[in-house]
């Protein structure tokens, strides 16, 4: 059977790969000069730089298996980058339970409160948070000051506006939740827009 696929991004390329493995004929339609979609990059001298925000975790086993199947496993470079916050002109590391407890811009009671809420979000499913928005929920349970110092700037930078419509089911990865990320020339990207995490897609939102 003949198939046509619109878009030569990671999904389109993977679909074409599987279809050809099954003996089908496939044509990919891609408007860019380079395949890869949001995972593509561009050359700067002898190096490749990513076009978009990206990440790949060791828990992303399906993507990793496909990369290995294509014979590219040795080209994955696993690193442990630091995540920091800029507070009052100083960089403060905040990427694990230990660095949270050492996060001096917050009082010790605030750090413990953030840690407790983070642990609760990590250990529970999304049902208790369905239909709630992130800003009032985080302000109530994590406290106004921790929310304003850490989470509000992150949401504003990510969404380019205040997160009044961000659902609580869009739970941020808690410090230490996923420990390793990969550096690679071509990876996936984040999507801009209104965000929600949940089992069902809602019109106007982006499920991630």
N, C-alpha and C. Protein backbone atom coordinates (compact mmCIF):
# COMPACT_ATOMS: atom_id res chain seq x y z
N UNK A 1 0.85 -1.19 0.00
CA UNK A 1 0.00 0.00 0.00
C UNK A 1 0.88 1.24 0.00
N UNK A 2 0.44 2.30 -0.63
CA UNK A 2 1.17 3.56 -0.67
C UNK A 2 0.66 4.50 0.41
N UNK A 3 1.58 5.13 1.13
CA UNK A 3 1.22 6.07 2.19
C UNK A 3 1.89 7.41 1.95
N UNK A 4 1.20 8.48 2.35
CA UNK A 4 1.79 9.81 2.36
C UNK A 4 1.77 10.34 3.79
N UNK A 5 2.89 10.91 4.23
CA UNK A 5 3.01 11.43 5.59
C UNK A 5 3.34 12.91 5.52
N UNK A 6 2.54 13.72 6.19
CA UNK A 6 2.77 15.16 6.24
C UNK A 6 3.69 15.48 7.40
N UNK A 7 4.90 15.93 7.12
CA UNK A 7 5.84 16.33 8.16
C UNK A 7 6.93 15.30 8.37
N UNK A 8 8.17 15.78 8.26
CA UNK A 8 9.31 14.91 8.46
C UNK A 8 9.96 15.09 9.80
N UNK A 9 9.14 15.27 10.83
CA UNK A 9 9.66 15.34 12.19
C UNK A 9 9.91 13.95 12.74
N UNK A 10 10.18 13.88 14.04
CA UNK A 10 10.49 12.59 14.66
C UNK A 10 9.35 11.59 14.47
N UNK A 11 8.12 12.04 14.68
CA UNK A 11 6.98 11.14 14.55
C UNK A 11 6.79 10.69 13.11
N UNK A 12 6.85 11.65 12.18
CA UNK A 12 6.67 11.30 10.77
C UNK A 12 7.73 10.35 10.26
N UNK A 13 8.99 10.61 10.66
CA UNK A 13 10.08 9.74 10.23
C UNK A 13 9.95 8.34 10.83
N UNK A 14 9.56 8.28 12.11
CA UNK A 14 9.41 6.98 12.76
C UNK A 14 8.26 6.20 12.13
N UNK A 15 7.15 6.89 11.82
CA UNK A 15 6.03 6.22 11.18
C UNK A 15 6.43 5.69 9.80
N UNK A 16 7.17 6.50 9.05
CA UNK A 16 7.62 6.06 7.73
C UNK A 16 8.56 4.87 7.85
N UNK A 17 9.41 4.88 8.84
CA UNK A 17 10.36 3.78 9.07
C UNK A 17 9.62 2.48 9.35
N UNK A 18 8.62 2.54 10.22
CA UNK A 18 7.86 1.32 10.55
C UNK A 18 7.04 0.83 9.34
N UNK A 19 6.47 1.76 8.59
CA UNK A 19 5.68 1.36 7.43
C UNK A 19 6.54 0.69 6.37
N UNK A 20 7.74 1.22 6.14
CA UNK A 20 8.62 0.60 5.16
C UNK A 20 9.10 -0.77 5.65
N UNK A 21 9.30 -0.89 6.96
CA UNK A 21 9.65 -2.21 7.50
C UNK A 21 8.56 -3.23 7.23
N UNK A 22 7.31 -2.75 7.20
CA UNK A 22 6.17 -3.64 6.95
C UNK A 22 5.93 -3.86 5.46
N UNK A 23 6.81 -3.29 4.62
CA UNK A 23 6.71 -3.53 3.19
C UNK A 23 5.89 -2.53 2.41
N UNK A 24 5.51 -1.41 3.04
CA UNK A 24 4.72 -0.40 2.35
C UNK A 24 5.61 0.65 1.69
N UNK A 25 5.03 1.37 0.75
CA UNK A 25 5.72 2.47 0.07
C UNK A 25 5.28 3.78 0.73
N UNK A 26 6.24 4.62 1.07
CA UNK A 26 5.94 5.83 1.83
C UNK A 26 6.58 7.05 1.17
N UNK A 27 5.83 8.15 1.11
CA UNK A 27 6.38 9.44 0.69
C UNK A 27 6.13 10.45 1.80
N UNK A 28 7.19 11.14 2.21
CA UNK A 28 7.09 12.15 3.27
C UNK A 28 7.08 13.54 2.63
N UNK A 29 6.15 14.39 3.07
CA UNK A 29 6.07 15.76 2.59
C UNK A 29 6.56 16.69 3.71
N UNK A 30 7.65 17.38 3.46
CA UNK A 30 8.27 18.24 4.47
C UNK A 30 8.63 19.58 3.84
N UNK A 31 8.18 20.68 4.45
CA UNK A 31 8.40 21.99 3.87
C UNK A 31 9.81 22.54 4.12
N UNK A 32 10.49 22.04 5.17
CA UNK A 32 11.84 22.51 5.46
C UNK A 32 12.87 21.79 4.60
N UNK A 33 14.04 22.38 4.49
CA UNK A 33 15.10 21.76 3.70
C UNK A 33 15.77 20.61 4.45
N UNK A 34 15.61 20.58 5.78
CA UNK A 34 16.21 19.54 6.62
C UNK A 34 15.12 18.81 7.37
N UNK A 35 15.16 17.49 7.35
CA UNK A 35 14.19 16.71 8.12
C UNK A 35 14.52 16.79 9.60
N UNK A 36 13.55 16.39 10.42
CA UNK A 36 13.76 16.38 11.87
C UNK A 36 12.75 17.20 12.62
N UNK A 37 12.06 18.13 11.94
CA UNK A 37 11.04 18.94 12.61
C UNK A 37 11.61 19.71 13.78
N UNK A 38 10.89 19.66 14.90
CA UNK A 38 11.32 20.38 16.09
C UNK A 38 12.59 19.81 16.70
N UNK A 39 12.96 18.60 16.28
CA UNK A 39 14.18 17.99 16.81
C UNK A 39 15.41 18.30 15.96
N UNK A 40 15.23 19.06 14.89
CA UNK A 40 16.35 19.32 13.99
C UNK A 40 17.28 20.38 14.56
N UNK A 41 18.41 20.55 13.90
CA UNK A 41 19.40 21.54 14.34
C UNK A 41 20.00 22.26 13.15
N UNK A 42 21.00 23.08 13.42
CA UNK A 42 21.68 23.81 12.35
C UNK A 42 23.17 23.87 12.68
N UNK A 43 23.99 23.98 11.64
CA UNK A 43 25.43 23.96 11.82
C UNK A 43 25.97 25.33 12.20
N UNK A 44 26.90 25.33 13.12
CA UNK A 44 27.71 26.50 13.44
C UNK A 44 29.16 26.02 13.42
N UNK A 45 29.84 26.27 12.33
CA UNK A 45 31.18 25.72 12.17
C UNK A 45 31.11 24.22 12.02
N UNK A 46 31.83 23.51 12.86
CA UNK A 46 31.84 22.05 12.81
C UNK A 46 30.82 21.42 13.76
N UNK A 47 30.02 22.24 14.43
CA UNK A 47 29.09 21.73 15.44
C UNK A 47 27.65 21.95 15.02
N UNK A 48 26.77 21.16 15.65
CA UNK A 48 25.34 21.31 15.47
C UNK A 48 24.74 21.94 16.73
N UNK A 49 23.83 22.88 16.54
CA UNK A 49 23.07 23.46 17.64
C UNK A 49 21.60 23.16 17.43
N UNK A 50 20.87 22.95 18.53
CA UNK A 50 19.45 22.64 18.45
C UNK A 50 18.65 23.90 18.12
N UNK A 51 17.59 23.73 17.36
CA UNK A 51 16.70 24.85 17.06
C UNK A 51 15.77 25.17 18.21
N UNK A 52 15.42 24.15 18.99
CA UNK A 52 14.38 24.31 19.99
C UNK A 52 14.79 23.68 21.31
N UNK A 53 14.05 24.04 22.36
CA UNK A 53 14.21 23.42 23.67
C UNK A 53 14.01 21.92 23.54
N UNK A 54 14.77 21.14 24.28
CA UNK A 54 14.76 19.70 24.10
C UNK A 54 15.11 18.99 25.41
N UNK A 55 14.75 17.75 25.49
CA UNK A 55 15.25 16.89 26.55
C UNK A 55 14.97 15.44 26.21
N UNK A 56 15.82 14.57 26.71
CA UNK A 56 15.63 13.14 26.58
C UNK A 56 16.13 12.50 27.85
N UNK A 57 15.26 11.75 28.52
CA UNK A 57 15.61 11.13 29.78
C UNK A 57 15.86 9.64 29.59
N UNK A 58 16.56 9.04 30.54
CA UNK A 58 16.81 7.60 30.48
C UNK A 58 15.54 6.80 30.66
N UNK A 59 14.50 7.44 31.17
CA UNK A 59 13.21 6.76 31.30
C UNK A 59 12.43 6.76 29.98
N UNK A 60 12.89 7.50 28.99
CA UNK A 60 12.25 7.53 27.67
C UNK A 60 12.73 6.33 26.85
N UNK A 61 12.36 5.15 27.32
CA UNK A 61 12.93 3.91 26.77
C UNK A 61 12.53 3.65 25.32
N UNK A 62 11.33 4.08 24.93
CA UNK A 62 10.89 3.83 23.55
C UNK A 62 11.77 4.59 22.57
N UNK A 63 12.02 5.87 22.86
CA UNK A 63 12.88 6.68 21.98
C UNK A 63 14.31 6.13 21.96
N UNK A 64 14.79 5.73 23.12
CA UNK A 64 16.16 5.21 23.22
C UNK A 64 16.30 3.91 22.43
N UNK A 65 15.30 3.04 22.52
CA UNK A 65 15.35 1.78 21.77
C UNK A 65 15.36 2.04 20.27
N UNK A 66 14.59 3.03 19.82
CA UNK A 66 14.57 3.37 18.40
C UNK A 66 15.93 3.92 17.96
N UNK A 67 16.52 4.77 18.78
CA UNK A 67 17.85 5.31 18.47
C UNK A 67 18.87 4.18 18.37
N UNK A 68 18.80 3.24 19.30
CA UNK A 68 19.72 2.10 19.27
C UNK A 68 19.47 1.20 18.06
N UNK A 69 18.19 1.04 17.73
CA UNK A 69 17.83 0.22 16.57
C UNK A 69 18.40 0.82 15.28
N UNK A 70 18.48 2.14 15.24
CA UNK A 70 19.02 2.82 14.07
C UNK A 70 20.55 2.86 14.07
N UNK A 71 21.15 2.27 15.08
CA UNK A 71 22.61 2.24 15.16
C UNK A 71 23.23 3.53 15.64
N UNK A 72 22.45 4.35 16.35
CA UNK A 72 22.95 5.65 16.81
C UNK A 72 23.15 5.70 18.31
N UNK A 73 23.02 4.55 18.98
CA UNK A 73 23.11 4.54 20.44
C UNK A 73 24.41 5.10 20.98
N UNK A 74 25.51 4.84 20.27
CA UNK A 74 26.81 5.31 20.75
C UNK A 74 26.95 6.83 20.65
N UNK A 75 26.07 7.47 19.91
CA UNK A 75 26.15 8.92 19.74
C UNK A 75 25.36 9.68 20.80
N UNK A 76 24.64 8.96 21.65
CA UNK A 76 23.96 9.60 22.77
C UNK A 76 24.99 9.91 23.86
N UNK A 77 24.99 11.14 24.33
CA UNK A 77 25.91 11.55 25.39
C UNK A 77 25.08 11.92 26.62
N UNK A 78 25.16 11.12 27.67
CA UNK A 78 24.38 11.36 28.89
C UNK A 78 25.16 12.26 29.84
N UNK A 79 24.51 13.30 30.29
CA UNK A 79 25.17 14.24 31.19
C UNK A 79 24.27 14.54 32.38
N UNK A 80 24.79 15.26 33.34
CA UNK A 80 24.05 15.63 34.55
C UNK A 80 24.14 17.15 34.73
N UNK A 81 23.39 17.90 33.92
CA UNK A 81 23.47 19.37 34.01
C UNK A 81 22.88 19.89 35.31
N UNK A 82 23.40 21.01 35.77
CA UNK A 82 22.87 21.65 36.96
C UNK A 82 21.70 22.54 36.58
N UNK A 83 20.71 22.59 37.44
CA UNK A 83 19.59 23.52 37.29
C UNK A 83 19.70 24.56 38.39
N UNK A 84 19.72 25.83 37.99
CA UNK A 84 19.91 26.91 38.96
C UNK A 84 18.83 27.96 38.81
N UNK A 85 18.63 28.72 39.87
CA UNK A 85 17.75 29.89 39.87
C UNK A 85 18.60 31.14 40.11
N UNK A 86 18.24 32.21 39.45
CA UNK A 86 18.91 33.49 39.68
C UNK A 86 18.08 34.27 40.69
N UNK A 87 18.60 34.44 41.90
CA UNK A 87 17.89 35.12 42.98
C UNK A 87 18.79 36.24 43.51
N UNK A 88 18.30 37.46 43.41
CA UNK A 88 19.05 38.63 43.90
C UNK A 88 20.46 38.69 43.33
N UNK A 89 20.56 38.37 42.04
CA UNK A 89 21.85 38.47 41.37
C UNK A 89 22.78 37.30 41.59
N UNK A 90 22.34 36.26 42.30
CA UNK A 90 23.19 35.11 42.57
C UNK A 90 22.53 33.83 42.08
N UNK A 91 23.36 32.92 41.55
CA UNK A 91 22.85 31.63 41.09
C UNK A 91 22.74 30.68 42.27
N UNK A 92 21.57 30.07 42.39
CA UNK A 92 21.30 29.12 43.46
C UNK A 92 20.88 27.80 42.84
N UNK A 93 21.63 26.73 43.12
CA UNK A 93 21.30 25.43 42.55
C UNK A 93 20.01 24.90 43.16
N UNK A 94 19.14 24.35 42.29
CA UNK A 94 17.86 23.81 42.76
C UNK A 94 17.44 22.69 41.81
N UNK A 95 17.95 21.49 42.05
CA UNK A 95 17.65 20.38 41.14
C UNK A 95 17.63 19.02 41.84
N UNK A 96 17.50 19.01 43.15
CA UNK A 96 17.44 17.75 43.89
C UNK A 96 16.87 18.03 45.27
N UNK A 97 16.43 17.01 45.98
CA UNK A 97 15.96 17.23 47.35
C UNK A 97 17.03 17.88 48.24
N UNK A 98 18.28 17.48 48.06
CA UNK A 98 19.35 18.04 48.88
C UNK A 98 19.57 19.52 48.59
N UNK A 99 19.59 19.90 47.30
CA UNK A 99 19.78 21.32 46.98
C UNK A 99 18.57 22.15 47.38
N UNK A 100 17.39 21.53 47.40
CA UNK A 100 16.22 22.25 47.91
C UNK A 100 16.38 22.57 49.38
N UNK A 101 16.86 21.61 50.15
CA UNK A 101 17.08 21.85 51.58
C UNK A 101 18.18 22.89 51.82
N UNK A 102 19.08 23.05 50.86
CA UNK A 102 20.15 24.03 50.97
C UNK A 102 19.81 25.37 50.32
N UNK A 103 18.62 25.49 49.78
CA UNK A 103 18.23 26.67 49.01
C UNK A 103 17.99 27.84 49.96
N UNK A 104 19.05 28.60 50.24
CA UNK A 104 19.03 29.62 51.29
C UNK A 104 18.08 30.79 51.04
N UNK A 105 17.70 31.14 49.80
CA UNK A 105 16.73 32.23 49.64
C UNK A 105 15.39 31.96 50.32
N UNK A 106 15.06 30.69 50.53
CA UNK A 106 13.84 30.35 51.26
C UNK A 106 14.18 29.98 52.70
N UNK A 107 13.28 30.31 53.61
CA UNK A 107 13.47 29.90 55.00
C UNK A 107 13.37 28.38 55.09
N UNK A 108 13.88 27.80 56.16
CA UNK A 108 13.89 26.35 56.29
C UNK A 108 12.47 25.79 56.32
N UNK A 109 11.53 26.51 56.95
CA UNK A 109 10.15 26.02 56.97
C UNK A 109 9.54 26.05 55.57
N UNK A 110 9.94 27.04 54.76
CA UNK A 110 9.44 27.12 53.39
C UNK A 110 10.03 25.99 52.54
N UNK A 111 11.30 25.69 52.76
CA UNK A 111 11.93 24.59 52.02
C UNK A 111 11.25 23.26 52.34
N UNK A 112 10.98 23.04 53.61
CA UNK A 112 10.32 21.79 54.01
C UNK A 112 8.91 21.72 53.45
N UNK A 113 8.24 22.85 53.39
CA UNK A 113 6.88 22.89 52.85
C UNK A 113 6.89 22.57 51.35
N UNK A 114 7.83 23.17 50.61
CA UNK A 114 7.95 22.88 49.18
C UNK A 114 8.30 21.41 48.96
N UNK A 115 9.20 20.88 49.79
CA UNK A 115 9.59 19.47 49.67
C UNK A 115 8.40 18.55 49.91
N UNK A 116 7.59 18.86 50.92
CA UNK A 116 6.43 18.03 51.23
C UNK A 116 5.42 18.03 50.10
N UNK A 117 5.15 19.21 49.54
CA UNK A 117 4.19 19.30 48.44
C UNK A 117 4.75 18.61 47.19
N UNK A 118 6.06 18.79 46.96
CA UNK A 118 6.67 18.12 45.83
C UNK A 118 6.59 16.62 45.94
N UNK A 119 6.82 16.09 47.13
CA UNK A 119 6.72 14.65 47.34
C UNK A 119 5.29 14.16 47.13
N UNK A 120 4.32 14.96 47.59
CA UNK A 120 2.92 14.58 47.40
C UNK A 120 2.57 14.53 45.92
N UNK A 121 3.01 15.53 45.15
CA UNK A 121 2.73 15.55 43.72
C UNK A 121 3.39 14.38 43.00
N UNK A 122 4.56 14.02 43.47
CA UNK A 122 5.29 12.93 42.83
C UNK A 122 4.66 11.56 43.10
N UNK A 123 4.09 11.41 44.28
CA UNK A 123 3.59 10.10 44.70
C UNK A 123 2.12 9.87 44.40
N UNK A 124 1.38 10.92 44.07
CA UNK A 124 -0.05 10.77 43.80
C UNK A 124 -0.32 10.89 42.31
N UNK A 125 -1.46 10.34 41.87
CA UNK A 125 -1.83 10.49 40.47
C UNK A 125 -2.52 11.83 40.26
N UNK A 126 -2.98 12.09 39.05
CA UNK A 126 -3.49 13.41 38.72
C UNK A 126 -4.95 13.64 39.13
N UNK A 127 -5.66 12.61 39.56
CA UNK A 127 -7.09 12.76 39.83
C UNK A 127 -7.44 13.86 40.83
N UNK A 128 -6.71 13.96 41.97
CA UNK A 128 -7.09 15.00 42.94
C UNK A 128 -6.92 16.42 42.42
N UNK A 129 -6.19 16.59 41.32
CA UNK A 129 -5.87 17.93 40.84
C UNK A 129 -6.63 18.31 39.57
N UNK A 130 -7.45 17.40 39.07
CA UNK A 130 -8.20 17.69 37.87
C UNK A 130 -9.15 18.87 38.11
N UNK A 131 -9.20 19.78 37.13
CA UNK A 131 -10.10 20.92 37.20
C UNK A 131 -9.59 22.09 38.01
N UNK A 132 -8.41 21.98 38.62
CA UNK A 132 -7.84 23.07 39.40
C UNK A 132 -6.74 23.76 38.60
N UNK A 133 -6.52 25.04 38.88
CA UNK A 133 -5.44 25.76 38.21
C UNK A 133 -4.24 25.88 39.15
N UNK A 134 -3.07 25.98 38.54
CA UNK A 134 -1.82 25.86 39.30
C UNK A 134 -1.57 27.03 40.25
N UNK A 135 -1.83 28.25 39.79
CA UNK A 135 -1.43 29.42 40.58
C UNK A 135 -2.06 29.44 41.97
N UNK A 136 -3.38 29.40 42.10
CA UNK A 136 -3.94 29.43 43.46
C UNK A 136 -3.61 28.19 44.27
N UNK A 137 -3.50 27.04 43.59
CA UNK A 137 -3.20 25.80 44.31
C UNK A 137 -1.79 25.85 44.89
N UNK A 138 -0.81 26.26 44.09
CA UNK A 138 0.57 26.32 44.57
C UNK A 138 0.74 27.41 45.63
N UNK A 139 0.07 28.53 45.43
CA UNK A 139 0.15 29.61 46.44
C UNK A 139 -0.37 29.12 47.79
N UNK A 140 -1.43 28.35 47.75
CA UNK A 140 -2.04 27.87 48.99
C UNK A 140 -1.16 26.85 49.69
N UNK A 141 -0.66 25.85 48.93
CA UNK A 141 0.01 24.73 49.56
C UNK A 141 1.53 24.91 49.69
N UNK A 142 2.15 25.58 48.72
CA UNK A 142 3.59 25.81 48.84
C UNK A 142 3.90 27.14 49.51
N UNK A 143 2.94 28.05 49.50
CA UNK A 143 3.15 29.35 50.09
C UNK A 143 3.38 30.42 49.02
N UNK A 144 2.96 31.65 49.33
CA UNK A 144 3.07 32.73 48.34
C UNK A 144 4.52 33.05 48.00
N UNK A 145 5.38 33.05 49.00
CA UNK A 145 6.76 33.45 48.76
C UNK A 145 7.52 32.41 47.92
N UNK A 146 7.48 31.11 48.25
CA UNK A 146 8.13 30.13 47.37
C UNK A 146 7.56 30.13 45.95
N UNK A 147 6.24 30.28 45.85
CA UNK A 147 5.64 30.32 44.52
C UNK A 147 6.17 31.52 43.74
N UNK A 148 6.17 32.70 44.35
CA UNK A 148 6.60 33.90 43.67
C UNK A 148 8.08 33.89 43.33
N UNK A 149 8.89 33.22 44.13
CA UNK A 149 10.33 33.22 43.91
C UNK A 149 10.76 32.19 42.88
N UNK A 150 10.14 31.01 42.89
CA UNK A 150 10.61 29.92 42.05
C UNK A 150 9.66 29.62 40.89
N UNK A 151 8.40 29.37 41.20
CA UNK A 151 7.51 28.83 40.19
C UNK A 151 6.90 29.89 39.28
N UNK A 152 6.52 31.03 39.81
CA UNK A 152 5.92 32.06 38.97
C UNK A 152 6.86 32.51 37.86
N UNK A 153 8.15 32.79 38.13
CA UNK A 153 9.05 33.16 37.03
C UNK A 153 9.24 32.05 36.01
N UNK A 154 9.26 30.79 36.47
CA UNK A 154 9.39 29.67 35.54
C UNK A 154 8.19 29.58 34.61
N UNK A 155 7.00 29.67 35.19
CA UNK A 155 5.78 29.59 34.37
C UNK A 155 5.72 30.75 33.38
N UNK A 156 6.03 31.96 33.87
CA UNK A 156 5.97 33.14 33.01
C UNK A 156 6.96 33.03 31.86
N UNK A 157 8.17 32.52 32.15
CA UNK A 157 9.17 32.37 31.09
C UNK A 157 8.77 31.30 30.10
N UNK A 158 8.20 30.21 30.60
CA UNK A 158 7.81 29.11 29.73
C UNK A 158 6.60 29.47 28.88
N UNK A 159 5.60 30.09 29.51
CA UNK A 159 4.33 30.35 28.83
C UNK A 159 4.25 31.75 28.25
N UNK A 160 5.23 32.61 28.61
CA UNK A 160 5.27 34.01 28.16
C UNK A 160 4.09 34.82 28.66
N UNK A 161 3.47 34.34 29.70
CA UNK A 161 2.42 35.11 30.38
C UNK A 161 2.18 34.44 31.72
N UNK A 162 1.46 35.12 32.60
CA UNK A 162 1.20 34.54 33.92
C UNK A 162 0.32 33.30 33.78
N UNK A 163 0.59 32.28 34.57
CA UNK A 163 -0.06 30.97 34.37
C UNK A 163 -1.43 30.87 35.01
N UNK A 164 -2.31 31.83 34.74
CA UNK A 164 -3.62 31.78 35.39
C UNK A 164 -4.46 30.61 34.88
N UNK A 165 -4.13 30.11 33.69
CA UNK A 165 -4.91 29.00 33.14
C UNK A 165 -4.15 27.69 33.15
N UNK A 166 -3.00 27.65 33.82
CA UNK A 166 -2.22 26.42 33.88
C UNK A 166 -2.84 25.48 34.90
N UNK A 167 -3.20 24.28 34.45
CA UNK A 167 -3.85 23.32 35.31
C UNK A 167 -2.86 22.72 36.30
N UNK A 168 -3.34 22.37 37.49
CA UNK A 168 -2.46 21.72 38.47
C UNK A 168 -2.03 20.35 38.00
N UNK A 169 -2.78 19.76 37.06
CA UNK A 169 -2.38 18.45 36.54
C UNK A 169 -1.17 18.56 35.64
N UNK A 170 -0.75 19.78 35.30
CA UNK A 170 0.53 19.98 34.62
C UNK A 170 1.58 20.08 35.71
N UNK A 171 1.95 18.92 36.24
CA UNK A 171 2.84 18.88 37.39
C UNK A 171 4.28 18.95 36.94
N UNK A 172 5.01 19.93 37.44
CA UNK A 172 6.41 20.06 37.07
C UNK A 172 7.19 18.87 37.60
N UNK A 173 8.28 18.51 36.88
CA UNK A 173 9.17 17.46 37.37
C UNK A 173 9.81 17.95 38.65
N UNK A 174 9.65 17.23 39.71
CA UNK A 174 10.19 17.64 40.98
C UNK A 174 11.69 17.40 41.02
N UNK A 175 12.43 18.19 41.83
CA UNK A 175 13.87 17.99 41.92
C UNK A 175 14.21 16.54 42.23
N UNK A 176 15.08 15.98 41.41
CA UNK A 176 15.49 14.60 41.62
C UNK A 176 14.58 13.59 40.98
N UNK A 177 13.48 14.05 40.34
CA UNK A 177 12.53 13.11 39.77
C UNK A 177 13.10 12.35 38.58
N UNK A 178 13.82 13.07 37.71
CA UNK A 178 14.47 12.44 36.58
C UNK A 178 15.90 12.96 36.60
N UNK A 179 16.84 12.09 36.73
CA UNK A 179 18.18 12.51 37.06
C UNK A 179 19.10 12.74 35.88
N UNK A 180 18.85 12.10 34.76
CA UNK A 180 19.80 12.19 33.67
C UNK A 180 19.13 12.72 32.42
N UNK A 181 19.82 13.61 31.72
CA UNK A 181 19.33 14.09 30.44
C UNK A 181 20.40 13.84 29.39
N UNK A 182 19.98 13.77 28.14
CA UNK A 182 20.93 13.47 27.07
C UNK A 182 21.21 14.71 26.24
N UNK A 183 22.45 14.83 25.79
CA UNK A 183 22.82 15.86 24.85
C UNK A 183 22.98 15.17 23.50
N UNK A 184 22.31 15.72 22.49
CA UNK A 184 22.38 15.12 21.18
C UNK A 184 22.09 16.20 20.16
N UNK A 185 22.55 16.02 18.92
CA UNK A 185 22.40 17.06 17.91
C UNK A 185 20.94 17.32 17.57
N UNK A 186 20.12 16.26 17.61
CA UNK A 186 18.72 16.44 17.22
C UNK A 186 17.82 15.76 18.23
N UNK A 187 17.00 16.55 18.86
CA UNK A 187 16.12 16.01 19.90
C UNK A 187 14.74 16.65 19.81
N UNK A 188 13.88 16.34 20.79
CA UNK A 188 12.53 16.88 20.72
C UNK A 188 12.47 18.25 21.35
N UNK A 189 11.33 18.93 21.23
CA UNK A 189 11.21 20.30 21.72
C UNK A 189 9.95 20.46 22.54
N UNK A 190 9.91 21.56 23.29
CA UNK A 190 8.69 21.90 24.03
C UNK A 190 7.73 22.61 23.09
N UNK A 191 6.48 22.65 23.46
CA UNK A 191 5.47 23.31 22.66
C UNK A 191 4.91 24.49 23.44
N UNK A 192 4.78 25.62 22.78
CA UNK A 192 4.23 26.78 23.46
C UNK A 192 2.71 26.73 23.41
N UNK A 193 2.07 27.45 24.32
CA UNK A 193 0.62 27.47 24.34
C UNK A 193 0.11 27.29 25.75
N UNK A 194 -1.17 27.00 25.86
CA UNK A 194 -1.79 26.75 27.15
C UNK A 194 -1.59 25.29 27.51
N UNK A 195 -1.13 25.02 28.69
CA UNK A 195 -0.69 23.67 29.03
C UNK A 195 -1.62 23.00 30.03
N UNK A 196 -1.79 21.72 29.87
CA UNK A 196 -2.43 20.90 30.89
C UNK A 196 -1.88 19.50 30.79
N UNK A 197 -1.78 18.85 31.91
CA UNK A 197 -1.43 17.44 31.90
C UNK A 197 -2.63 16.64 32.34
N UNK A 198 -2.99 15.65 31.62
CA UNK A 198 -4.12 14.82 31.99
C UNK A 198 -4.28 13.72 30.97
N UNK A 199 -5.28 12.90 31.17
CA UNK A 199 -5.45 11.75 30.29
C UNK A 199 -6.16 12.13 29.00
N UNK A 200 -7.00 13.18 29.03
CA UNK A 200 -7.79 13.51 27.84
C UNK A 200 -7.39 14.87 27.31
N UNK A 201 -7.36 14.99 25.98
CA UNK A 201 -7.05 16.27 25.33
C UNK A 201 -8.27 17.17 25.38
N UNK A 202 -8.05 18.44 25.68
CA UNK A 202 -9.13 19.41 25.70
C UNK A 202 -8.85 20.46 24.64
N UNK A 203 -9.84 20.89 23.84
CA UNK A 203 -9.60 21.86 22.78
C UNK A 203 -8.95 23.13 23.34
N UNK A 204 -7.93 23.61 22.62
CA UNK A 204 -7.24 24.82 23.04
C UNK A 204 -6.09 24.56 23.98
N UNK A 205 -5.91 23.35 24.43
CA UNK A 205 -4.81 23.02 25.33
C UNK A 205 -3.79 22.13 24.62
N UNK A 206 -2.64 22.02 25.22
CA UNK A 206 -1.61 21.11 24.72
C UNK A 206 -1.33 20.08 25.78
N UNK A 207 -1.61 18.82 25.50
CA UNK A 207 -1.33 17.76 26.47
C UNK A 207 0.14 17.38 26.40
N UNK A 208 0.81 17.36 27.56
CA UNK A 208 2.22 16.95 27.59
C UNK A 208 2.43 15.97 28.73
